[in-house]
Amino acid sequence: MKYYKYFRKTSIKDKEVGRLFLEEIQKKNPKTFLEIGIFHGVTARNICNLMYKNHGSEFKYIGIDIFEEGDGVKNEVAPSFKFNNPLKTFYFKYLKRQNPYTAEGVKDLLSKYEKNIQIIQGNTNEILKDLNLKDIDYIFVDGGHDYKTVKNDLAYSKKFLSSNGVIICDDYNLSYAPGVKKAIDEFISENKCKHEIILERFAKIEF
């Protein structure tokens, strides 16, 4: 099982970590998947590839991101939006003429699965309460890294989840974003969840 980077930025930089991440998801074999925090859509594409392999066209991927840069998201420990690789900068600016960190950029990467995807733009602190989502098999929480945002994302993820669904959170023990771990630990304690920490990075939560 291979994790592809698609010439874009991704928080999962190590392909071995990516492979283990996909293998973890494969254990559940989801048909419906929600990702909170899409960024360039690399994980989204890998997830869609996996679900298509397992279920053909009978799957649903939903992705949510604020798709916003600047001071408005500085408290969320936003990733760097600039490429370190000048070839990637040239490719997207002059050849692709596209910002990969936009809803349109992500939809382009996922165009093979356009009938199976739903991309939602907005701040999860504001929009999750209005989304009519239910019976989601698997939820990947990797959006804003502020304590309140993570608590909010987890609370609604629980409501969206199917009866035997799984939530997996990224950056569980990120030193420069301690609010993530605090929020996850509190959520686990408050809900008495079965949980597992994977690679000292992912927090897997089951009910």
N, C-alpha and C. Protein backbone atom coordinates (compact mmCIF):
# COMPACT_ATOMS: atom_id res chain seq x y z
N MET A 1 0.85 -1.18 0.00
CA MET A 1 0.00 0.00 0.00
C MET A 1 0.89 1.24 0.00
N LYS A 2 0.74 2.09 -0.99
CA LYS A 2 1.64 3.22 -1.17
C LYS A 2 0.90 4.55 -1.01
N TYR A 3 1.55 5.47 -0.31
CA TYR A 3 1.02 6.82 -0.12
C TYR A 3 1.70 7.74 -1.12
N TYR A 4 0.90 8.30 -2.04
CA TYR A 4 1.43 9.16 -3.09
C TYR A 4 1.31 10.63 -2.70
N LYS A 5 2.30 11.44 -3.08
CA LYS A 5 2.31 12.85 -2.70
C LYS A 5 1.77 13.78 -3.79
N TYR A 6 1.69 13.32 -5.01
CA TYR A 6 1.07 14.08 -6.10
C TYR A 6 1.66 15.48 -6.30
N PHE A 7 2.94 15.62 -6.07
CA PHE A 7 3.67 16.87 -6.37
C PHE A 7 3.05 18.05 -5.62
N ARG A 8 2.52 17.79 -4.43
CA ARG A 8 1.90 18.83 -3.62
C ARG A 8 2.45 18.77 -2.19
N LYS A 9 1.97 19.66 -1.34
CA LYS A 9 2.36 19.64 0.06
C LYS A 9 1.40 18.77 0.85
N THR A 10 1.93 18.08 1.84
CA THR A 10 1.11 17.25 2.71
C THR A 10 1.75 17.20 4.09
N SER A 11 0.92 17.07 5.12
CA SER A 11 1.46 16.96 6.48
C SER A 11 2.11 15.61 6.70
N ILE A 12 1.75 14.63 5.88
CA ILE A 12 2.36 13.30 5.98
C ILE A 12 3.52 13.26 4.99
N LYS A 13 4.68 13.68 5.45
CA LYS A 13 5.84 13.81 4.57
C LYS A 13 6.57 12.49 4.37
N ASP A 14 6.54 11.63 5.38
CA ASP A 14 7.23 10.34 5.31
C ASP A 14 6.30 9.31 4.66
N LYS A 15 6.72 8.75 3.53
CA LYS A 15 5.86 7.80 2.82
C LYS A 15 5.59 6.53 3.62
N GLU A 16 6.51 6.17 4.51
CA GLU A 16 6.29 5.00 5.36
C GLU A 16 5.17 5.28 6.36
N VAL A 17 5.16 6.50 6.92
CA VAL A 17 4.07 6.90 7.80
C VAL A 17 2.76 6.91 7.02
N GLY A 18 2.82 7.40 5.79
CA GLY A 18 1.64 7.40 4.94
C GLY A 18 1.12 6.00 4.68
N ARG A 19 2.02 5.09 4.44
CA ARG A 19 1.62 3.70 4.19
C ARG A 19 0.94 3.10 5.42
N LEU A 20 1.52 3.32 6.58
CA LEU A 20 0.93 2.79 7.81
C LEU A 20 -0.41 3.44 8.12
N PHE A 21 -0.54 4.71 7.78
CA PHE A 21 -1.80 5.43 7.95
C PHE A 21 -2.89 4.79 7.09
N LEU A 22 -2.58 4.52 5.83
CA LEU A 22 -3.55 3.90 4.93
C LEU A 22 -3.89 2.48 5.38
N GLU A 23 -2.91 1.76 5.87
CA GLU A 23 -3.17 0.40 6.36
C GLU A 23 -4.10 0.44 7.57
N GLU A 24 -3.95 1.46 8.39
CA GLU A 24 -4.84 1.60 9.56
C GLU A 24 -6.27 1.84 9.10
N ILE A 25 -6.44 2.67 8.10
CA ILE A 25 -7.78 2.94 7.57
C ILE A 25 -8.36 1.69 6.91
N GLN A 26 -7.51 0.95 6.23
CA GLN A 26 -7.95 -0.26 5.54
C GLN A 26 -8.56 -1.27 6.51
N LYS A 27 -8.12 -1.27 7.76
CA LYS A 27 -8.66 -2.20 8.75
C LYS A 27 -10.17 -2.01 8.90
N LYS A 28 -10.62 -0.78 8.77
CA LYS A 28 -12.04 -0.47 8.89
C LYS A 28 -12.76 -0.61 7.56
N ASN A 29 -12.02 -0.44 6.46
CA ASN A 29 -12.58 -0.55 5.11
C ASN A 29 -13.81 0.35 4.94
N PRO A 30 -13.66 1.66 5.18
CA PRO A 30 -14.82 2.56 5.15
C PRO A 30 -15.38 2.78 3.74
N LYS A 31 -16.68 3.05 3.70
CA LYS A 31 -17.33 3.46 2.44
C LYS A 31 -17.67 4.95 2.47
N THR A 32 -17.69 5.52 3.68
CA THR A 32 -17.91 6.95 3.84
C THR A 32 -16.79 7.52 4.70
N PHE A 33 -16.25 8.64 4.26
CA PHE A 33 -15.07 9.20 4.93
C PHE A 33 -15.20 10.71 5.00
N LEU A 34 -14.93 11.27 6.19
CA LEU A 34 -14.93 12.71 6.39
C LEU A 34 -13.53 13.13 6.81
N GLU A 35 -12.98 14.11 6.10
CA GLU A 35 -11.68 14.67 6.47
C GLU A 35 -11.85 16.13 6.84
N ILE A 36 -11.46 16.47 8.05
CA ILE A 36 -11.51 17.86 8.52
C ILE A 36 -10.09 18.41 8.43
N GLY A 37 -9.88 19.30 7.48
CA GLY A 37 -8.54 19.83 7.21
C GLY A 37 -7.95 19.14 5.99
N ILE A 38 -8.25 19.64 4.80
CA ILE A 38 -7.84 18.96 3.57
C ILE A 38 -6.47 19.42 3.07
N PHE A 39 -6.16 20.69 3.30
CA PHE A 39 -4.95 21.33 2.79
C PHE A 39 -4.88 21.18 1.26
N HIS A 40 -3.85 20.56 0.72
CA HIS A 40 -3.72 20.43 -0.74
C HIS A 40 -4.49 19.23 -1.31
N GLY A 41 -5.05 18.41 -0.46
CA GLY A 41 -5.85 17.29 -0.93
C GLY A 41 -5.10 16.00 -1.17
N VAL A 42 -3.86 15.93 -0.71
CA VAL A 42 -3.06 14.73 -0.95
C VAL A 42 -3.62 13.52 -0.20
N THR A 43 -3.91 13.70 1.08
CA THR A 43 -4.51 12.60 1.84
C THR A 43 -5.87 12.24 1.27
N ALA A 44 -6.62 13.25 0.86
CA ALA A 44 -7.93 13.01 0.26
C ALA A 44 -7.82 12.11 -0.97
N ARG A 45 -6.85 12.39 -1.82
CA ARG A 45 -6.69 11.59 -3.03
C ARG A 45 -6.29 10.15 -2.68
N ASN A 46 -5.40 10.00 -1.72
CA ASN A 46 -5.01 8.65 -1.30
C ASN A 46 -6.18 7.87 -0.71
N ILE A 47 -7.01 8.55 0.07
CA ILE A 47 -8.19 7.91 0.66
C ILE A 47 -9.18 7.51 -0.42
N CYS A 48 -9.42 8.40 -1.37
CA CYS A 48 -10.34 8.09 -2.48
C CYS A 48 -9.82 6.90 -3.30
N ASN A 49 -8.52 6.89 -3.54
CA ASN A 49 -7.93 5.75 -4.25
C ASN A 49 -8.22 4.44 -3.52
N LEU A 50 -8.04 4.48 -2.20
CA LEU A 50 -8.24 3.28 -1.38
C LEU A 50 -9.70 2.83 -1.42
N MET A 51 -10.62 3.77 -1.23
CA MET A 51 -12.04 3.40 -1.22
C MET A 51 -12.51 2.96 -2.60
N TYR A 52 -11.98 3.55 -3.65
CA TYR A 52 -12.34 3.12 -5.00
C TYR A 52 -11.85 1.69 -5.27
N LYS A 53 -10.66 1.41 -4.80
CA LYS A 53 -10.11 0.06 -4.94
C LYS A 53 -10.99 -0.97 -4.23
N ASN A 54 -11.51 -0.59 -3.08
CA ASN A 54 -12.31 -1.51 -2.26
C ASN A 54 -13.77 -1.58 -2.67
N HIS A 55 -14.33 -0.46 -3.13
CA HIS A 55 -15.78 -0.38 -3.32
C HIS A 55 -16.21 0.11 -4.70
N GLY A 56 -15.26 0.31 -5.60
CA GLY A 56 -15.63 0.85 -6.90
C GLY A 56 -16.20 2.25 -6.72
N SER A 57 -17.27 2.55 -7.42
CA SER A 57 -17.87 3.89 -7.34
C SER A 57 -18.83 4.04 -6.16
N GLU A 58 -18.95 3.00 -5.34
CA GLU A 58 -19.89 3.04 -4.21
C GLU A 58 -19.20 3.55 -2.93
N PHE A 59 -18.73 4.78 -2.96
CA PHE A 59 -18.14 5.38 -1.77
C PHE A 59 -18.42 6.87 -1.77
N LYS A 60 -18.22 7.48 -0.60
CA LYS A 60 -18.44 8.93 -0.46
C LYS A 60 -17.31 9.53 0.36
N TYR A 61 -16.67 10.56 -0.19
CA TYR A 61 -15.65 11.31 0.53
C TYR A 61 -16.14 12.74 0.71
N ILE A 62 -16.06 13.23 1.95
CA ILE A 62 -16.42 14.61 2.28
C ILE A 62 -15.20 15.28 2.91
N GLY A 63 -14.83 16.42 2.39
CA GLY A 63 -13.68 17.14 2.92
C GLY A 63 -14.05 18.57 3.29
N ILE A 64 -13.54 19.02 4.43
CA ILE A 64 -13.82 20.38 4.91
C ILE A 64 -12.51 21.11 5.17
N ASP A 65 -12.44 22.36 4.71
CA ASP A 65 -11.26 23.18 5.01
C ASP A 65 -11.66 24.64 4.96
N ILE A 66 -10.95 25.45 5.72
CA ILE A 66 -11.22 26.88 5.72
C ILE A 66 -10.68 27.54 4.45
N PHE A 67 -9.65 26.92 3.84
CA PHE A 67 -9.02 27.45 2.63
C PHE A 67 -8.74 28.95 2.78
N GLU A 68 -8.02 29.26 3.84
CA GLU A 68 -7.75 30.67 4.15
C GLU A 68 -6.33 30.80 4.67
N GLU A 69 -5.64 31.83 4.22
CA GLU A 69 -4.29 32.10 4.67
C GLU A 69 -4.25 33.42 5.44
N GLY A 70 -3.14 33.67 6.13
CA GLY A 70 -2.97 34.96 6.78
C GLY A 70 -3.20 34.93 8.27
N ASP A 71 -3.29 36.12 8.86
CA ASP A 71 -3.39 36.26 10.31
C ASP A 71 -4.66 35.64 10.88
N GLY A 72 -5.68 35.49 10.05
CA GLY A 72 -6.94 34.96 10.53
C GLY A 72 -6.87 33.53 11.02
N VAL A 73 -5.83 32.82 10.60
CA VAL A 73 -5.71 31.41 11.01
C VAL A 73 -4.41 31.16 11.79
N LYS A 74 -3.74 32.23 12.22
CA LYS A 74 -2.44 32.04 12.88
C LYS A 74 -2.54 31.26 14.18
N ASN A 75 -3.67 31.37 14.90
CA ASN A 75 -3.84 30.63 16.15
C ASN A 75 -4.06 29.14 15.92
N GLU A 76 -4.31 28.76 14.68
CA GLU A 76 -4.58 27.36 14.36
C GLU A 76 -3.32 26.58 13.99
N VAL A 77 -2.15 27.21 14.11
CA VAL A 77 -0.88 26.59 13.73
C VAL A 77 -0.96 26.11 12.29
N ALA A 78 -1.26 27.04 11.41
CA ALA A 78 -1.41 26.72 10.00
C ALA A 78 -0.07 26.30 9.40
N PRO A 79 -0.08 25.38 8.46
CA PRO A 79 1.17 24.96 7.81
C PRO A 79 1.68 26.05 6.88
N SER A 80 2.92 25.91 6.46
CA SER A 80 3.48 26.84 5.48
C SER A 80 2.79 26.64 4.14
N PHE A 81 2.38 27.73 3.54
CA PHE A 81 1.66 27.63 2.28
C PHE A 81 2.60 27.72 1.07
N LYS A 82 3.87 28.06 1.31
CA LYS A 82 4.82 28.21 0.22
C LYS A 82 5.63 26.94 0.03
N PHE A 83 5.88 26.61 -1.24
CA PHE A 83 6.69 25.44 -1.55
C PHE A 83 8.17 25.75 -1.30
N ASN A 84 8.88 24.77 -0.74
CA ASN A 84 10.33 24.87 -0.63
C ASN A 84 10.99 24.53 -1.96
N ASN A 85 10.31 23.72 -2.75
CA ASN A 85 10.81 23.28 -4.04
C ASN A 85 10.43 24.30 -5.11
N PRO A 86 11.40 24.99 -5.72
CA PRO A 86 11.08 26.01 -6.73
C PRO A 86 10.38 25.44 -7.95
N LEU A 87 10.60 24.16 -8.24
CA LEU A 87 9.93 23.55 -9.38
C LEU A 87 8.42 23.48 -9.16
N LYS A 88 8.03 23.19 -7.93
CA LYS A 88 6.61 23.15 -7.61
C LYS A 88 5.99 24.55 -7.69
N THR A 89 6.73 25.54 -7.19
CA THR A 89 6.26 26.92 -7.29
C THR A 89 6.04 27.30 -8.74
N PHE A 90 7.00 27.00 -9.59
CA PHE A 90 6.90 27.31 -11.02
C PHE A 90 5.74 26.57 -11.66
N TYR A 91 5.61 25.29 -11.33
CA TYR A 91 4.56 24.46 -11.93
C TYR A 91 3.17 25.02 -11.65
N PHE A 92 2.89 25.32 -10.38
CA PHE A 92 1.54 25.78 -10.03
C PHE A 92 1.30 27.23 -10.45
N LYS A 93 2.33 28.07 -10.42
CA LYS A 93 2.14 29.48 -10.74
C LYS A 93 2.06 29.74 -12.24
N TYR A 94 2.93 29.06 -13.01
CA TYR A 94 3.04 29.40 -14.42
C TYR A 94 2.48 28.34 -15.37
N LEU A 95 2.53 27.07 -14.97
CA LEU A 95 2.01 26.02 -15.84
C LEU A 95 0.58 25.65 -15.47
N LYS A 96 0.36 25.31 -14.23
CA LYS A 96 -0.98 24.94 -13.77
C LYS A 96 -1.87 26.16 -13.60
N ARG A 97 -1.24 27.30 -13.26
CA ARG A 97 -1.96 28.55 -12.98
C ARG A 97 -3.08 28.29 -11.96
N GLN A 98 -2.65 27.71 -10.87
CA GLN A 98 -3.62 27.27 -9.86
C GLN A 98 -2.99 27.32 -8.48
N ASN A 99 -3.77 27.73 -7.50
CA ASN A 99 -3.34 27.63 -6.11
C ASN A 99 -3.86 26.29 -5.58
N PRO A 100 -2.97 25.37 -5.23
CA PRO A 100 -3.43 24.05 -4.77
C PRO A 100 -4.19 24.12 -3.45
N TYR A 101 -3.98 25.21 -2.69
CA TYR A 101 -4.72 25.35 -1.43
C TYR A 101 -5.98 26.19 -1.66
N THR A 102 -6.87 25.64 -2.45
CA THR A 102 -8.19 26.22 -2.69
C THR A 102 -9.15 25.05 -2.92
N ALA A 103 -10.42 25.31 -2.76
CA ALA A 103 -11.40 24.27 -3.04
C ALA A 103 -11.29 23.81 -4.49
N GLU A 104 -11.05 24.76 -5.40
CA GLU A 104 -10.93 24.42 -6.82
C GLU A 104 -9.69 23.57 -7.07
N GLY A 105 -8.59 23.91 -6.39
CA GLY A 105 -7.36 23.15 -6.55
C GLY A 105 -7.51 21.72 -6.07
N VAL A 106 -8.20 21.54 -4.96
CA VAL A 106 -8.42 20.19 -4.42
C VAL A 106 -9.36 19.40 -5.33
N LYS A 107 -10.42 20.05 -5.79
CA LYS A 107 -11.36 19.38 -6.69
C LYS A 107 -10.66 18.92 -7.96
N ASP A 108 -9.71 19.71 -8.42
CA ASP A 108 -8.95 19.32 -9.61
C ASP A 108 -8.15 18.04 -9.35
N LEU A 109 -7.51 17.96 -8.19
CA LEU A 109 -6.76 16.76 -7.85
C LEU A 109 -7.67 15.54 -7.71
N LEU A 110 -8.90 15.77 -7.27
CA LEU A 110 -9.85 14.68 -7.04
C LEU A 110 -10.83 14.50 -8.20
N SER A 111 -10.54 15.12 -9.34
CA SER A 111 -11.50 15.13 -10.45
C SER A 111 -11.87 13.73 -10.94
N LYS A 112 -10.98 12.78 -10.76
CA LYS A 112 -11.27 11.40 -11.15
C LYS A 112 -12.48 10.87 -10.40
N TYR A 113 -12.71 11.41 -9.21
CA TYR A 113 -13.79 10.92 -8.35
C TYR A 113 -14.86 12.00 -8.13
N GLU A 114 -15.06 12.88 -9.09
CA GLU A 114 -15.92 14.04 -8.87
C GLU A 114 -17.34 13.68 -8.45
N LYS A 115 -17.83 12.50 -8.85
CA LYS A 115 -19.18 12.10 -8.48
C LYS A 115 -19.26 11.55 -7.06
N ASN A 116 -18.11 11.31 -6.46
CA ASN A 116 -18.06 10.70 -5.13
C ASN A 116 -17.60 11.64 -4.04
N ILE A 117 -17.30 12.88 -4.40
CA ILE A 117 -16.71 13.79 -3.42
C ILE A 117 -17.62 14.99 -3.15
N GLN A 118 -17.45 15.54 -1.95
CA GLN A 118 -18.10 16.79 -1.58
C GLN A 118 -17.08 17.63 -0.82
N ILE A 119 -16.72 18.78 -1.37
CA ILE A 119 -15.75 19.67 -0.73
C ILE A 119 -16.51 20.86 -0.15
N ILE A 120 -16.29 21.11 1.14
CA ILE A 120 -17.00 22.18 1.85
C ILE A 120 -15.98 23.18 2.37
N GLN A 121 -16.18 24.45 2.05
CA GLN A 121 -15.29 25.50 2.53
C GLN A 121 -15.93 26.25 3.69
N GLY A 122 -15.13 26.41 4.76
CA GLY A 122 -15.64 27.17 5.90
C GLY A 122 -14.87 26.85 7.17
N ASN A 123 -15.09 27.67 8.16
CA ASN A 123 -14.48 27.49 9.48
C ASN A 123 -15.32 26.48 10.26
N THR A 124 -14.72 25.39 10.68
CA THR A 124 -15.49 24.33 11.34
C THR A 124 -16.12 24.79 12.64
N ASN A 125 -15.55 25.81 13.27
CA ASN A 125 -16.16 26.34 14.49
C ASN A 125 -17.52 26.97 14.20
N GLU A 126 -17.75 27.31 12.94
CA GLU A 126 -18.99 27.98 12.55
C GLU A 126 -19.93 27.10 11.75
N ILE A 127 -19.41 26.18 10.96
CA ILE A 127 -20.27 25.47 9.99
C ILE A 127 -20.67 24.06 10.40
N LEU A 128 -19.92 23.42 11.28
CA LEU A 128 -20.24 22.02 11.59
C LEU A 128 -21.64 21.87 12.17
N LYS A 129 -22.07 22.84 12.94
CA LYS A 129 -23.39 22.76 13.59
C LYS A 129 -24.53 22.73 12.58
N ASP A 130 -24.26 23.21 11.37
CA ASP A 130 -25.31 23.28 10.36
C ASP A 130 -25.24 22.15 9.32
N LEU A 131 -24.25 21.30 9.44
CA LEU A 131 -24.09 20.24 8.45
C LEU A 131 -24.93 19.02 8.83
N ASN A 132 -25.65 18.50 7.88
CA ASN A 132 -26.49 17.33 8.10
C ASN A 132 -25.72 16.08 7.67
N LEU A 133 -24.76 15.69 8.50
CA LEU A 133 -23.95 14.51 8.21
C LEU A 133 -24.25 13.44 9.24
N LYS A 134 -24.31 12.20 8.79
CA LYS A 134 -24.54 11.09 9.71
C LYS A 134 -24.02 9.79 9.11
N ASP A 135 -23.84 8.82 9.96
CA ASP A 135 -23.40 7.48 9.56
C ASP A 135 -22.09 7.50 8.77
N ILE A 136 -21.14 8.35 9.20
CA ILE A 136 -19.82 8.38 8.59
C ILE A 136 -18.98 7.25 9.20
N ASP A 137 -18.36 6.44 8.35
CA ASP A 137 -17.59 5.30 8.84
C ASP A 137 -16.26 5.71 9.47
N TYR A 138 -15.62 6.72 8.87
CA TYR A 138 -14.27 7.09 9.32
C TYR A 138 -14.11 8.60 9.22
N ILE A 139 -13.55 9.21 10.27
CA ILE A 139 -13.32 10.65 10.27
C ILE A 139 -11.87 10.93 10.62
N PHE A 140 -11.21 11.71 9.79
CA PHE A 140 -9.84 12.13 10.02
C PHE A 140 -9.85 13.59 10.42
N VAL A 141 -9.45 13.88 11.65
CA VAL A 141 -9.45 15.24 12.18
C VAL A 141 -8.04 15.81 12.11
N ASP A 142 -7.85 16.77 11.20
CA ASP A 142 -6.55 17.40 11.01
C ASP A 142 -6.74 18.84 10.57
N GLY A 143 -7.70 19.51 11.20
CA GLY A 143 -7.99 20.89 10.84
C GLY A 143 -7.24 21.87 11.71
N GLY A 144 -7.95 22.87 12.24
CA GLY A 144 -7.32 23.84 13.12
C GLY A 144 -6.73 23.17 14.35
N HIS A 145 -5.59 23.68 14.83
CA HIS A 145 -4.88 23.06 15.95
C HIS A 145 -5.05 23.81 17.26
N ASP A 146 -5.92 24.79 17.27
CA ASP A 146 -6.25 25.47 18.52
C ASP A 146 -7.10 24.54 19.39
N TYR A 147 -6.89 24.61 20.70
CA TYR A 147 -7.60 23.72 21.63
C TYR A 147 -9.11 23.73 21.41
N LYS A 148 -9.69 24.93 21.34
CA LYS A 148 -11.15 25.02 21.19
C LYS A 148 -11.63 24.45 19.87
N THR A 149 -10.83 24.62 18.83
CA THR A 149 -11.20 24.10 17.52
C THR A 149 -11.20 22.57 17.53
N VAL A 150 -10.17 21.98 18.10
CA VAL A 150 -10.09 20.52 18.16
C VAL A 150 -11.25 19.95 18.98
N LYS A 151 -11.56 20.58 20.11
CA LYS A 151 -12.69 20.11 20.93
C LYS A 151 -14.00 20.19 20.14
N ASN A 152 -14.18 21.28 19.43
CA ASN A 152 -15.37 21.45 18.60
C ASN A 152 -15.45 20.39 17.49
N ASP A 153 -14.33 20.18 16.81
CA ASP A 153 -14.30 19.21 15.71
C ASP A 153 -14.58 17.79 16.20
N LEU A 154 -14.05 17.46 17.37
CA LEU A 154 -14.28 16.12 17.93
C LEU A 154 -15.74 15.96 18.39
N ALA A 155 -16.29 16.99 19.00
CA ALA A 155 -17.67 16.90 19.47
C ALA A 155 -18.63 16.63 18.33
N TYR A 156 -18.45 17.34 17.22
CA TYR A 156 -19.34 17.12 16.07
C TYR A 156 -19.01 15.84 15.33
N SER A 157 -17.74 15.47 15.32
CA SER A 157 -17.38 14.21 14.68
C SER A 157 -18.10 13.04 15.35
N LYS A 158 -18.20 13.09 16.66
CA LYS A 158 -18.92 12.04 17.37
C LYS A 158 -20.37 11.95 16.91
N LYS A 159 -20.99 13.10 16.67
CA LYS A 159 -22.39 13.12 16.22
C LYS A 159 -22.53 12.60 14.80
N PHE A 160 -21.52 12.82 13.97
CA PHE A 160 -21.58 12.42 12.57
C PHE A 160 -21.27 10.93 12.37
N LEU A 161 -20.65 10.31 13.36
CA LEU A 161 -20.09 8.97 13.21
C LEU A 161 -21.17 7.89 13.19
N SER A 162 -20.91 6.83 12.43
CA SER A 162 -21.77 5.64 12.46
C SER A 162 -21.58 4.92 13.78
N SER A 163 -22.42 3.95 14.06
CA SER A 163 -22.43 3.30 15.38
C SER A 163 -21.11 2.60 15.71
N ASN A 164 -20.40 2.13 14.72
CA ASN A 164 -19.11 1.48 14.98
C ASN A 164 -17.99 2.17 14.21
N GLY A 165 -18.14 3.49 14.02
CA GLY A 165 -17.16 4.26 13.26
C GLY A 165 -15.90 4.57 14.06
N VAL A 166 -14.94 5.16 13.37
CA VAL A 166 -13.63 5.46 13.95
C VAL A 166 -13.28 6.92 13.67
N ILE A 167 -12.69 7.58 14.67
CA ILE A 167 -12.09 8.90 14.49
C ILE A 167 -10.58 8.75 14.66
N ILE A 168 -9.82 9.32 13.76
CA ILE A 168 -8.38 9.34 13.93
C ILE A 168 -7.90 10.78 13.82
N CYS A 169 -7.11 11.22 14.79
CA CYS A 169 -6.65 12.61 14.85
C CYS A 169 -5.15 12.67 14.55
N ASP A 170 -4.76 13.66 13.78
CA ASP A 170 -3.34 13.85 13.48
C ASP A 170 -2.71 14.78 14.51
N ASP A 171 -1.37 14.74 14.56
CA ASP A 171 -0.57 15.65 15.39
C ASP A 171 -0.93 15.60 16.86
N TYR A 172 -1.15 14.39 17.36
CA TYR A 172 -1.58 14.22 18.75
C TYR A 172 -0.61 14.84 19.74
N ASN A 173 0.68 14.66 19.51
CA ASN A 173 1.67 15.11 20.49
C ASN A 173 2.62 16.13 19.87
N LEU A 174 2.06 17.10 19.18
CA LEU A 174 2.85 18.12 18.50
C LEU A 174 3.30 19.16 19.53
N SER A 175 4.62 19.29 19.69
CA SER A 175 5.16 20.13 20.77
C SER A 175 4.71 21.58 20.67
N TYR A 176 4.61 22.12 19.46
CA TYR A 176 4.26 23.53 19.33
C TYR A 176 2.75 23.76 19.17
N ALA A 177 1.97 22.71 19.37
CA ALA A 177 0.50 22.86 19.39
C ALA A 177 -0.06 21.98 20.50
N PRO A 178 0.25 22.29 21.76
CA PRO A 178 -0.16 21.44 22.88
C PRO A 178 -1.66 21.36 23.06
N GLY A 179 -2.40 22.30 22.48
CA GLY A 179 -3.86 22.26 22.60
C GLY A 179 -4.48 21.05 21.95
N VAL A 180 -3.80 20.48 20.96
CA VAL A 180 -4.33 19.29 20.28
C VAL A 180 -4.41 18.12 21.25
N LYS A 181 -3.30 17.83 21.91
CA LYS A 181 -3.25 16.72 22.86
C LYS A 181 -4.22 16.95 24.02
N LYS A 182 -4.25 18.17 24.52
CA LYS A 182 -5.14 18.48 25.64
C LYS A 182 -6.60 18.23 25.25
N ALA A 183 -6.98 18.68 24.07
CA ALA A 183 -8.36 18.51 23.62
C ALA A 183 -8.71 17.05 23.41
N ILE A 184 -7.80 16.30 22.80
CA ILE A 184 -8.05 14.88 22.54
C ILE A 184 -8.14 14.10 23.85
N ASP A 185 -7.21 14.35 24.76
CA ASP A 185 -7.21 13.64 26.05
C ASP A 185 -8.50 13.92 26.82
N GLU A 186 -8.96 15.17 26.81
CA GLU A 186 -10.19 15.51 27.50
C GLU A 186 -11.39 14.83 26.85
N PHE A 187 -11.42 14.82 25.53
CA PHE A 187 -12.52 14.18 24.81
C PHE A 187 -12.58 12.69 25.12
N ILE A 188 -11.44 12.04 25.13
CA ILE A 188 -11.37 10.60 25.43
C ILE A 188 -11.86 10.34 26.85
N SER A 189 -11.41 11.17 27.79
CA SER A 189 -11.80 10.99 29.19
C SER A 189 -13.30 11.25 29.39
N GLU A 190 -13.81 12.30 28.80
CA GLU A 190 -15.21 12.67 28.96
C GLU A 190 -16.17 11.65 28.34
N ASN A 191 -15.73 11.02 27.26
CA ASN A 191 -16.59 10.07 26.55
C ASN A 191 -16.24 8.61 26.80
N LYS A 192 -15.23 8.41 27.65
CA LYS A 192 -14.80 7.05 28.00
C LYS A 192 -14.57 6.20 26.74
N CYS A 193 -13.78 6.76 25.84
CA CYS A 193 -13.53 6.12 24.54
C CYS A 193 -12.41 5.10 24.63
N LYS A 194 -12.54 4.06 23.83
CA LYS A 194 -11.42 3.19 23.56
C LYS A 194 -10.49 3.94 22.63
N HIS A 195 -9.18 3.92 22.92
CA HIS A 195 -8.27 4.69 22.08
C HIS A 195 -6.90 4.05 21.98
N GLU A 196 -6.16 4.49 20.98
CA GLU A 196 -4.81 3.98 20.74
C GLU A 196 -3.99 5.10 20.11
N ILE A 197 -2.76 5.27 20.58
CA ILE A 197 -1.85 6.24 20.01
C ILE A 197 -0.92 5.49 19.04
N ILE A 198 -0.90 5.92 17.80
CA ILE A 198 -0.17 5.23 16.74
C ILE A 198 1.01 6.08 16.29
N LEU A 199 2.21 5.50 16.33
CA LEU A 199 3.44 6.17 15.88
C LEU A 199 3.71 7.46 16.65
N GLU A 200 3.15 7.57 17.85
CA GLU A 200 3.27 8.79 18.65
C GLU A 200 2.76 10.01 17.89
N ARG A 201 1.87 9.78 16.94
CA ARG A 201 1.36 10.88 16.11
C ARG A 201 -0.14 10.88 15.97
N PHE A 202 -0.72 9.72 15.69
CA PHE A 202 -2.15 9.63 15.45
C PHE A 202 -2.87 9.10 16.69
N ALA A 203 -3.99 9.73 17.02
CA ALA A 203 -4.84 9.23 18.11
C ALA A 203 -6.07 8.60 17.49
N LYS A 204 -6.20 7.30 17.64
CA LYS A 204 -7.34 6.56 17.10
C LYS A 204 -8.38 6.40 18.20
N ILE A 205 -9.61 6.81 17.91
CA ILE A 205 -10.68 6.82 18.91
C ILE A 205 -11.85 5.99 18.42
N GLU A 206 -12.31 5.09 19.29
CA GLU A 206 -13.47 4.25 18.98
C GLU A 206 -14.44 4.30 20.15
N PHE A 207 -15.72 4.08 19.86
CA PHE A 207 -16.75 4.12 20.91
C PHE A 207 -17.34 2.73 21.15
